[in-house]
Amino acid sequence: MLGTLFKILLTICFAVILKAIHDQGMFNPNADLKQIDEVTDQKIRTLKTELNPLKFTLDHLFGQEELSLSSLNDKNPGYIINDKNKLISLSSICSGNDFSIHENEKLILDLNLSSQMNEVMKYFREPLSANVRNYLSLYRGNVIVSLTKNTNNTCIFVGISDNTVIYLFNPKHKNDIVGSSDGINSIKKWGIKVILNKNDVLYLPPEWFYVYEVNDETILGKITSDTFLTFPYNYLRSV
């Protein structure tokens, strides 16, 4: 009897997980970027359910305070960045040379930016949210981040400085953009161009693609999360 009940429960759990994975793979071929002027939880939930990318501004997030590499260095004198087991002093990258530190998780904690990331995530947190991860990227010079697919339930970019240009691609264009041998410029025509400035928040639905480029000093935050149901699947396909 107990064995039969266990099998039934296991079957139900498996079916729920499969449905969650199936739902994550769905997309709206007619979706477009939705700019939210008055940010409310209800409005975000509604537009998110319609599988649209969303953009809005939270003026209080970083306020009017200047956020630059120099200001971060002033607040964290002597700080050493550990980037992929390479040690770099924060003061050394303020000297003007080109560099790229891409999606470093430890920087968010060490530079005391976790509270702002948590403030953004509260608009997107779900009852079963899991594996919430915060990243910080620091760039200077001409940097292009190649075509990337959002394999998480939630992918959010947070503008900490100005002028990050991001192109979003609806999954319906997958065959047009994946594997293109002519470079990023040739696929931009399929994308939605977004300019992300300080205090801007950009949400991407699952399965959407993106590229972005910077040409100056740039500080960019990123948040990803899954659910308890989709985390194993998302993890396996991202490694």
C-alpha atoms as a PDB file:
ATOM      1  CA  MET A   1       0.000   0.000   0.000  1.00  0.00           C
ATOM      2  CA  LEU A   2       2.739   2.428   0.993  1.00  0.00           C
ATOM      3  CA  GLY A   3       4.724   1.460  -2.073  1.00  0.00           C
ATOM      4  CA  THR A   4       1.772   2.213  -4.332  1.00  0.00           C
ATOM      5  CA  LEU A   5       1.174   5.569  -2.630  1.00  0.00           C
ATOM      6  CA  PHE A   6       4.836   6.457  -3.020  1.00  0.00           C
ATOM      7  CA  LYS A   7       4.702   5.657  -6.734  1.00  0.00           C
ATOM      8  CA  ILE A   8       1.613   7.840  -7.150  1.00  0.00           C
ATOM      9  CA  LEU A   9       3.252  10.748  -5.340  1.00  0.00           C
ATOM     10  CA  LEU A  10       6.436  10.305  -7.371  1.00  0.00           C
ATOM     11  CA  THR A  11       4.434  10.309 -10.607  1.00  0.00           C
ATOM     12  CA  ILE A  12       2.608  13.475  -9.566  1.00  0.00           C
ATOM     13  CA  CYS A  13       5.884  15.224  -8.661  1.00  0.00           C
ATOM     14  CA  PHE A  14       7.425  14.183 -11.961  1.00  0.00           C
ATOM     15  CA  ALA A  15       4.396  15.477 -13.877  1.00  0.00           C
ATOM     16  CA  VAL A  16       4.525  18.824 -12.031  1.00  0.00           C
ATOM     17  CA  ILE A  17       8.222  19.216 -12.829  1.00  0.00           C
ATOM     18  CA  LEU A  18       7.666  18.375 -16.505  1.00  0.00           C
ATOM     19  CA  LYS A  19       4.860  20.938 -16.706  1.00  0.00           C
ATOM     20  CA  ALA A  20       7.084  23.608 -15.127  1.00  0.00           C
ATOM     21  CA  ILE A  21       9.828  22.863 -17.663  1.00  0.00           C
ATOM     22  CA  HIS A  22       7.302  22.897 -20.507  1.00  0.00           C
ATOM     23  CA  ASP A  23       5.851  26.231 -19.367  1.00  0.00           C
ATOM     24  CA  GLN A  24       9.305  27.761 -19.140  1.00  0.00           C
ATOM     25  CA  GLY A  25       9.950  26.858 -22.766  1.00  0.00           C
ATOM     26  CA  MET A  26       6.874  28.727 -23.981  1.00  0.00           C
ATOM     27  CA  PHE A  27       7.231  32.193 -25.518  1.00  0.00           C
ATOM     28  CA  ASN A  28       5.057  34.868 -27.035  1.00  0.00           C
ATOM     29  CA  PRO A  29       5.988  35.385 -30.715  1.00  0.00           C
ATOM     30  CA  ASN A  30       4.262  38.786 -30.631  1.00  0.00           C
ATOM     31  CA  ALA A  31       5.952  39.987 -27.461  1.00  0.00           C
ATOM     32  CA  ASP A  32       7.528  43.422 -27.390  1.00  0.00           C
ATOM     33  CA  LEU A  33       9.395  45.512 -24.848  1.00  0.00           C
ATOM     34  CA  LYS A  34       6.987  47.018 -22.325  1.00  0.00           C
ATOM     35  CA  GLN A  35       8.063  50.240 -20.643  1.00  0.00           C
ATOM     36  CA  ILE A  36       6.493  50.574 -17.188  1.00  0.00           C
ATOM     37  CA  ASP A  37       6.092  54.151 -15.977  1.00  0.00           C
ATOM     38  CA  GLU A  38       4.261  53.462 -12.714  1.00  0.00           C
ATOM     39  CA  VAL A  39       5.829  50.399 -11.152  1.00  0.00           C
ATOM     40  CA  THR A  40       3.463  48.115  -9.225  1.00  0.00           C
ATOM     41  CA  ASP A  41       3.681  44.431  -8.354  1.00  0.00           C
ATOM     42  CA  GLN A  42       0.404  43.767 -10.157  1.00  0.00           C
ATOM     43  CA  LYS A  43       1.479  45.445 -13.383  1.00  0.00           C
ATOM     44  CA  ILE A  44       4.765  43.562 -13.430  1.00  0.00           C
ATOM     45  CA  ARG A  45       3.030  40.228 -12.767  1.00  0.00           C
ATOM     46  CA  THR A  46       0.521  40.833 -15.566  1.00  0.00           C
ATOM     47  CA  LEU A  47       3.072  41.819 -18.203  1.00  0.00           C
ATOM     48  CA  LYS A  48       5.416  39.046 -17.095  1.00  0.00           C
ATOM     49  CA  THR A  49       2.607  36.492 -17.518  1.00  0.00           C
ATOM     50  CA  GLU A  50       2.188  37.755 -21.084  1.00  0.00           C
ATOM     51  CA  LEU A  51       5.859  36.824 -21.634  1.00  0.00           C
ATOM     52  CA  ASN A  52       7.006  40.345 -22.484  1.00  0.00           C
ATOM     53  CA  PRO A  53      10.418  41.822 -21.726  1.00  0.00           C
ATOM     54  CA  LEU A  54       9.997  44.697 -19.263  1.00  0.00           C
ATOM     55  CA  LYS A  55      11.869  47.905 -18.568  1.00  0.00           C
ATOM     56  CA  PHE A  56      11.344  50.372 -15.757  1.00  0.00           C
ATOM     57  CA  THR A  57      13.274  52.814 -13.592  1.00  0.00           C
ATOM     58  CA  LEU A  58      13.689  52.807  -9.812  1.00  0.00           C
ATOM     59  CA  ASP A  59      15.075  56.256  -9.061  1.00  0.00           C
ATOM     60  CA  HIS A  60      15.690  55.384  -5.420  1.00  0.00           C
ATOM     61  CA  LEU A  61      17.829  52.355  -6.249  1.00  0.00           C
ATOM     62  CA  PHE A  62      21.166  54.145  -6.403  1.00  0.00           C
ATOM     63  CA  GLY A  63      19.777  57.653  -5.981  1.00  0.00           C
ATOM     64  CA  GLN A  64      21.659  60.632  -7.336  1.00  0.00           C
ATOM     65  CA  GLU A  65      24.978  59.439  -5.995  1.00  0.00           C
ATOM     66  CA  GLU A  66      27.700  59.084  -8.598  1.00  0.00           C
ATOM     67  CA  LEU A  67      28.659  55.475  -9.088  1.00  0.00           C
ATOM     68  CA  SER A  68      31.907  54.959 -10.927  1.00  0.00           C
ATOM     69  CA  LEU A  69      34.995  52.830 -10.590  1.00  0.00           C
ATOM     70  CA  SER A  70      36.704  55.731  -8.836  1.00  0.00           C
ATOM     71  CA  SER A  71      33.881  56.160  -6.315  1.00  0.00           C
ATOM     72  CA  LEU A  72      33.826  52.409  -5.632  1.00  0.00           C
ATOM     73  CA  ASN A  73      37.580  52.497  -5.129  1.00  0.00           C
ATOM     74  CA  ASP A  74      37.274  55.434  -2.720  1.00  0.00           C
ATOM     75  CA  LYS A  75      34.765  53.457  -0.642  1.00  0.00           C
ATOM     76  CA  ASN A  76      36.820  50.258  -0.759  1.00  0.00           C
ATOM     77  CA  PRO A  77      40.502  51.281  -0.587  1.00  0.00           C
ATOM     78  CA  GLY A  78      42.922  48.457  -1.194  1.00  0.00           C
ATOM     79  CA  TYR A  79      40.233  46.087  -2.479  1.00  0.00           C
ATOM     80  CA  ILE A  80      41.508  43.164  -4.559  1.00  0.00           C
ATOM     81  CA  ILE A  81      39.189  41.618  -7.148  1.00  0.00           C
ATOM     82  CA  ASN A  82      39.346  37.847  -7.550  1.00  0.00           C
ATOM     83  CA  ASP A  83      38.204  37.269 -11.116  1.00  0.00           C
ATOM     84  CA  LYS A  84      38.473  33.670 -12.321  1.00  0.00           C
ATOM     85  CA  ASN A  85      41.412  33.138  -9.927  1.00  0.00           C
ATOM     86  CA  LYS A  86      43.174  36.218 -11.228  1.00  0.00           C
ATOM     87  CA  LEU A  87      43.844  38.918  -8.633  1.00  0.00           C
ATOM     88  CA  ILE A  88      43.367  42.529  -9.764  1.00  0.00           C
ATOM     89  CA  SER A  89      43.428  45.602  -7.559  1.00  0.00           C
ATOM     90  CA  LEU A  90      40.420  47.865  -7.942  1.00  0.00           C
ATOM     91  CA  SER A  91      42.719  50.892  -7.938  1.00  0.00           C
ATOM     92  CA  SER A  92      44.697  49.538 -10.904  1.00  0.00           C
ATOM     93  CA  ILE A  93      41.636  49.357 -13.177  1.00  0.00           C
ATOM     94  CA  CYS A  94      40.871  53.005 -12.457  1.00  0.00           C
ATOM     95  CA  SER A  95      43.980  54.010 -14.408  1.00  0.00           C
ATOM     96  CA  GLY A  96      42.290  54.185 -17.815  1.00  0.00           C
ATOM     97  CA  ASN A  97      43.358  50.944 -19.491  1.00  0.00           C
ATOM     98  CA  ASP A  98      40.733  48.763 -21.172  1.00  0.00           C
ATOM     99  CA  PHE A  99      39.511  45.745 -19.203  1.00  0.00           C
ATOM    100  CA  SER A 100      36.573  43.365 -18.822  1.00  0.00           C
ATOM    101  CA  ILE A 101      35.399  41.727 -15.604  1.00  0.00           C
ATOM    102  CA  HIS A 102      32.315  39.768 -16.599  1.00  0.00           C
ATOM    103  CA  GLU A 103      29.591  38.649 -14.173  1.00  0.00           C
ATOM    104  CA  ASN A 104      31.541  38.344 -10.941  1.00  0.00           C
ATOM    105  CA  GLU A 105      29.328  37.228  -8.025  1.00  0.00           C
ATOM    106  CA  LYS A 106      31.689  38.118  -5.199  1.00  0.00           C
ATOM    107  CA  LEU A 107      31.876  41.770  -6.257  1.00  0.00           C
ATOM    108  CA  ILE A 108      28.209  42.333  -5.391  1.00  0.00           C
ATOM    109  CA  LEU A 109      28.826  41.297  -1.788  1.00  0.00           C
ATOM    110  CA  ASP A 110      32.206  42.920  -1.321  1.00  0.00           C
ATOM    111  CA  LEU A 111      31.146  46.277  -2.785  1.00  0.00           C
ATOM    112  CA  ASN A 112      27.934  46.347  -0.697  1.00  0.00           C
ATOM    113  CA  LEU A 113      25.460  46.262  -3.586  1.00  0.00           C
ATOM    114  CA  SER A 114      23.381  43.299  -2.387  1.00  0.00           C
ATOM    115  CA  SER A 115      20.596  45.443  -0.916  1.00  0.00           C
ATOM    116  CA  GLN A 116      19.924  47.100  -4.289  1.00  0.00           C
ATOM    117  CA  MET A 117      19.820  43.727  -6.039  1.00  0.00           C
ATOM    118  CA  ASN A 118      17.401  42.410  -3.414  1.00  0.00           C
ATOM    119  CA  GLU A 119      15.233  45.500  -3.896  1.00  0.00           C
ATOM    120  CA  VAL A 120      14.930  44.701  -7.613  1.00  0.00           C
ATOM    121  CA  MET A 121      14.356  40.988  -7.072  1.00  0.00           C
ATOM    122  CA  LYS A 122      11.376  41.546  -4.779  1.00  0.00           C
ATOM    123  CA  TYR A 123       9.312  42.511  -7.839  1.00  0.00           C
ATOM    124  CA  PHE A 124      10.051  39.150  -9.483  1.00  0.00           C
ATOM    125  CA  ARG A 125      10.334  36.698  -6.616  1.00  0.00           C
ATOM    126  CA  GLU A 126       7.996  33.714  -6.844  1.00  0.00           C
ATOM    127  CA  PRO A 127       6.815  31.346  -4.076  1.00  0.00           C
ATOM    128  CA  LEU A 128       9.148  28.638  -5.388  1.00  0.00           C
ATOM    129  CA  SER A 129      12.066  30.906  -6.336  1.00  0.00           C
ATOM    130  CA  ALA A 130      15.443  29.238  -5.935  1.00  0.00           C
ATOM    131  CA  ASN A 131      19.076  29.697  -6.904  1.00  0.00           C
ATOM    132  CA  VAL A 132      18.944  33.504  -6.875  1.00  0.00           C
ATOM    133  CA  ARG A 133      22.348  34.777  -8.010  1.00  0.00           C
ATOM    134  CA  ASN A 134      23.661  38.340  -8.286  1.00  0.00           C
ATOM    135  CA  TYR A 135      26.490  39.378 -10.589  1.00  0.00           C
ATOM    136  CA  LEU A 136      28.479  42.539 -11.230  1.00  0.00           C
ATOM    137  CA  SER A 137      30.301  43.350 -14.457  1.00  0.00           C
ATOM    138  CA  LEU A 138      32.928  46.073 -14.868  1.00  0.00           C
ATOM    139  CA  TYR A 139      34.016  47.158 -18.338  1.00  0.00           C
ATOM    140  CA  ARG A 140      36.077  49.824 -20.028  1.00  0.00           C
ATOM    141  CA  GLY A 141      36.700  50.188 -23.733  1.00  0.00           C
ATOM    142  CA  ASN A 142      34.948  48.462 -26.610  1.00  0.00           C
ATOM    143  CA  VAL A 143      33.453  45.294 -25.131  1.00  0.00           C
ATOM    144  CA  ILE A 144      30.879  43.088 -26.870  1.00  0.00           C
ATOM    145  CA  VAL A 145      29.146  40.285 -24.965  1.00  0.00           C
ATOM    146  CA  SER A 146      28.291  37.600 -27.497  1.00  0.00           C
ATOM    147  CA  LEU A 147      24.865  36.111 -28.139  1.00  0.00           C
ATOM    148  CA  THR A 148      23.562  34.532 -24.939  1.00  0.00           C
ATOM    149  CA  LYS A 149      20.365  32.628 -24.184  1.00  0.00           C
ATOM    150  CA  ASN A 150      18.446  33.146 -20.958  1.00  0.00           C
ATOM    151  CA  THR A 151      18.269  29.608 -19.576  1.00  0.00           C
ATOM    152  CA  ASN A 152      16.860  30.764 -16.222  1.00  0.00           C
ATOM    153  CA  ASN A 153      13.313  31.512 -15.164  1.00  0.00           C
ATOM    154  CA  THR A 154      14.352  35.067 -14.385  1.00  0.00           C
ATOM    155  CA  CYS A 155      17.074  37.208 -15.956  1.00  0.00           C
ATOM    156  CA  ILE A 156      17.320  40.859 -14.941  1.00  0.00           C
ATOM    157  CA  PHE A 157      19.852  43.534 -15.876  1.00  0.00           C
ATOM    158  CA  VAL A 158      20.342  46.459 -13.499  1.00  0.00           C
ATOM    159  CA  GLY A 159      21.896  49.689 -14.732  1.00  0.00           C
ATOM    160  CA  ILE A 160      24.471  50.993 -12.264  1.00  0.00           C
ATOM    161  CA  SER A 161      26.074  53.375 -14.751  1.00  0.00           C
ATOM    162  CA  ASP A 162      24.764  54.786 -18.036  1.00  0.00           C
ATOM    163  CA  ASN A 163      24.734  53.783 -21.680  1.00  0.00           C
ATOM    164  CA  THR A 164      24.755  49.993 -21.846  1.00  0.00           C
ATOM    165  CA  VAL A 165      23.263  49.013 -25.215  1.00  0.00           C
ATOM    166  CA  ILE A 166      21.449  45.672 -25.084  1.00  0.00           C
ATOM    167  CA  TYR A 167      19.740  43.886 -27.982  1.00  0.00           C
ATOM    168  CA  LEU A 168      16.949  41.465 -27.080  1.00  0.00           C
ATOM    169  CA  PHE A 169      15.879  38.664 -29.422  1.00  0.00           C
ATOM    170  CA  ASN A 170      12.558  36.861 -29.372  1.00  0.00           C
ATOM    171  CA  PRO A 171      13.054  33.051 -29.509  1.00  0.00           C
ATOM    172  CA  LYS A 172      11.125  33.023 -32.783  1.00  0.00           C
ATOM    173  CA  HIS A 173      14.323  34.409 -34.380  1.00  0.00           C
ATOM    174  CA  LYS A 174      16.513  31.583 -33.082  1.00  0.00           C
ATOM    175  CA  ASN A 175      17.260  30.176 -36.529  1.00  0.00           C
ATOM    176  CA  ASP A 176      18.112  33.659 -37.821  1.00  0.00           C
ATOM    177  CA  ILE A 177      20.618  34.540 -35.111  1.00  0.00           C
ATOM    178  CA  VAL A 178      22.203  31.391 -33.672  1.00  0.00           C
ATOM    179  CA  GLY A 179      25.392  30.433 -35.451  1.00  0.00           C
ATOM    180  CA  SER A 180      25.545  33.546 -37.600  1.00  0.00           C
ATOM    181  CA  SER A 181      29.000  33.795 -39.139  1.00  0.00           C
ATOM    182  CA  ASP A 182      28.721  37.497 -39.947  1.00  0.00           C
ATOM    183  CA  GLY A 183      29.038  38.783 -36.391  1.00  0.00           C
ATOM    184  CA  ILE A 184      26.746  40.682 -34.074  1.00  0.00           C
ATOM    185  CA  ASN A 185      26.047  43.569 -36.432  1.00  0.00           C
ATOM    186  CA  SER A 186      24.339  41.228 -38.879  1.00  0.00           C
ATOM    187  CA  ILE A 187      21.776  40.016 -36.325  1.00  0.00           C
ATOM    188  CA  LYS A 188      20.887  43.364 -34.755  1.00  0.00           C
ATOM    189  CA  LYS A 189      18.057  43.794 -37.269  1.00  0.00           C
ATOM    190  CA  TRP A 190      16.195  40.977 -35.494  1.00  0.00           C
ATOM    191  CA  GLY A 191      16.634  42.531 -32.076  1.00  0.00           C
ATOM    192  CA  ILE A 192      14.975  45.091 -29.836  1.00  0.00           C
ATOM    193  CA  LYS A 193      17.502  47.785 -28.937  1.00  0.00           C
ATOM    194  CA  VAL A 194      17.473  48.914 -25.310  1.00  0.00           C
ATOM    195  CA  ILE A 195      19.664  51.583 -23.737  1.00  0.00           C
ATOM    196  CA  LEU A 196      20.123  50.863 -20.049  1.00  0.00           C
ATOM    197  CA  ASN A 197      21.004  53.813 -17.821  1.00  0.00           C
ATOM    198  CA  LYS A 198      21.592  54.176 -14.108  1.00  0.00           C
ATOM    199  CA  ASN A 199      18.628  52.918 -12.001  1.00  0.00           C
ATOM    200  CA  ASP A 200      17.069  51.169 -15.019  1.00  0.00           C
ATOM    201  CA  VAL A 201      15.829  47.585 -14.671  1.00  0.00           C
ATOM    202  CA  LEU A 202      15.432  45.251 -17.655  1.00  0.00           C
ATOM    203  CA  TYR A 203      13.688  41.875 -17.375  1.00  0.00           C
ATOM    204  CA  LEU A 204      14.017  39.120 -20.002  1.00  0.00           C
ATOM    205  CA  PRO A 205      11.527  36.244 -20.235  1.00  0.00           C
ATOM    206  CA  PRO A 206      12.913  32.690 -20.361  1.00  0.00           C
ATOM    207  CA  GLU A 207      14.396  31.480 -23.640  1.00  0.00           C
ATOM    208  CA  TRP A 208      15.048  34.990 -24.988  1.00  0.00           C
ATOM    209  CA  PHE A 209      18.484  35.808 -26.382  1.00  0.00           C
ATOM    210  CA  TYR A 210      20.568  38.937 -25.867  1.00  0.00           C
ATOM    211  CA  VAL A 211      23.835  40.622 -26.769  1.00  0.00           C
ATOM    212  CA  TYR A 212      25.194  43.843 -25.382  1.00  0.00           C
ATOM    213  CA  GLU A 213      28.028  46.220 -26.049  1.00  0.00           C
ATOM    214  CA  VAL A 214      29.767  49.029 -24.212  1.00  0.00           C
ATOM    215  CA  ASN A 215      32.193  51.647 -25.407  1.00  0.00           C
ATOM    216  CA  ASP A 216      33.068  53.397 -22.174  1.00  0.00           C
ATOM    217  CA  GLU A 217      33.413  52.730 -18.477  1.00  0.00           C
ATOM    218  CA  THR A 218      30.400  50.623 -17.514  1.00  0.00           C
ATOM    219  CA  ILE A 219      29.094  49.049 -14.308  1.00  0.00           C
ATOM    220  CA  LEU A 220      26.269  46.556 -14.854  1.00  0.00           C
ATOM    221  CA  GLY A 221      24.357  44.333 -12.447  1.00  0.00           C
ATOM    222  CA  LYS A 222      22.612  41.083 -13.314  1.00  0.00           C
ATOM    223  CA  ILE A 223      20.234  38.823 -11.396  1.00  0.00           C
ATOM    224  CA  THR A 224      19.199  35.306 -12.335  1.00  0.00           C
ATOM    225  CA  SER A 225      16.910  32.847 -10.576  1.00  0.00           C
ATOM    226  CA  ASP A 226      15.079  29.578 -11.117  1.00  0.00           C
ATOM    227  CA  THR A 227      12.389  27.713  -9.225  1.00  0.00           C
ATOM    228  CA  PHE A 228      12.776  24.548  -7.188  1.00  0.00           C
ATOM    229  CA  LEU A 229      11.031  22.728 -10.031  1.00  0.00           C
ATOM    230  CA  THR A 230      13.216  23.979 -12.890  1.00  0.00           C
ATOM    231  CA  PHE A 231      16.585  24.431 -11.195  1.00  0.00           C
ATOM    232  CA  PRO A 232      18.010  20.943 -11.981  1.00  0.00           C
ATOM    233  CA  TYR A 233      16.958  21.222 -15.636  1.00  0.00           C
ATOM    234  CA  ASN A 234      18.312  24.760 -16.004  1.00  0.00           C
ATOM    235  CA  TYR A 235      21.564  23.835 -14.313  1.00  0.00           C
ATOM    236  CA  LEU A 236      22.184  20.820 -16.526  1.00  0.00           C
ATOM    237  CA  ARG A 237      21.594  22.701 -19.771  1.00  0.00           C
ATOM    238  CA  SER A 238      23.801  25.639 -18.770  1.00  0.00           C
ATOM    239  CA  VAL A 239      26.950  23.635 -18.001  1.00  0.00           C
END
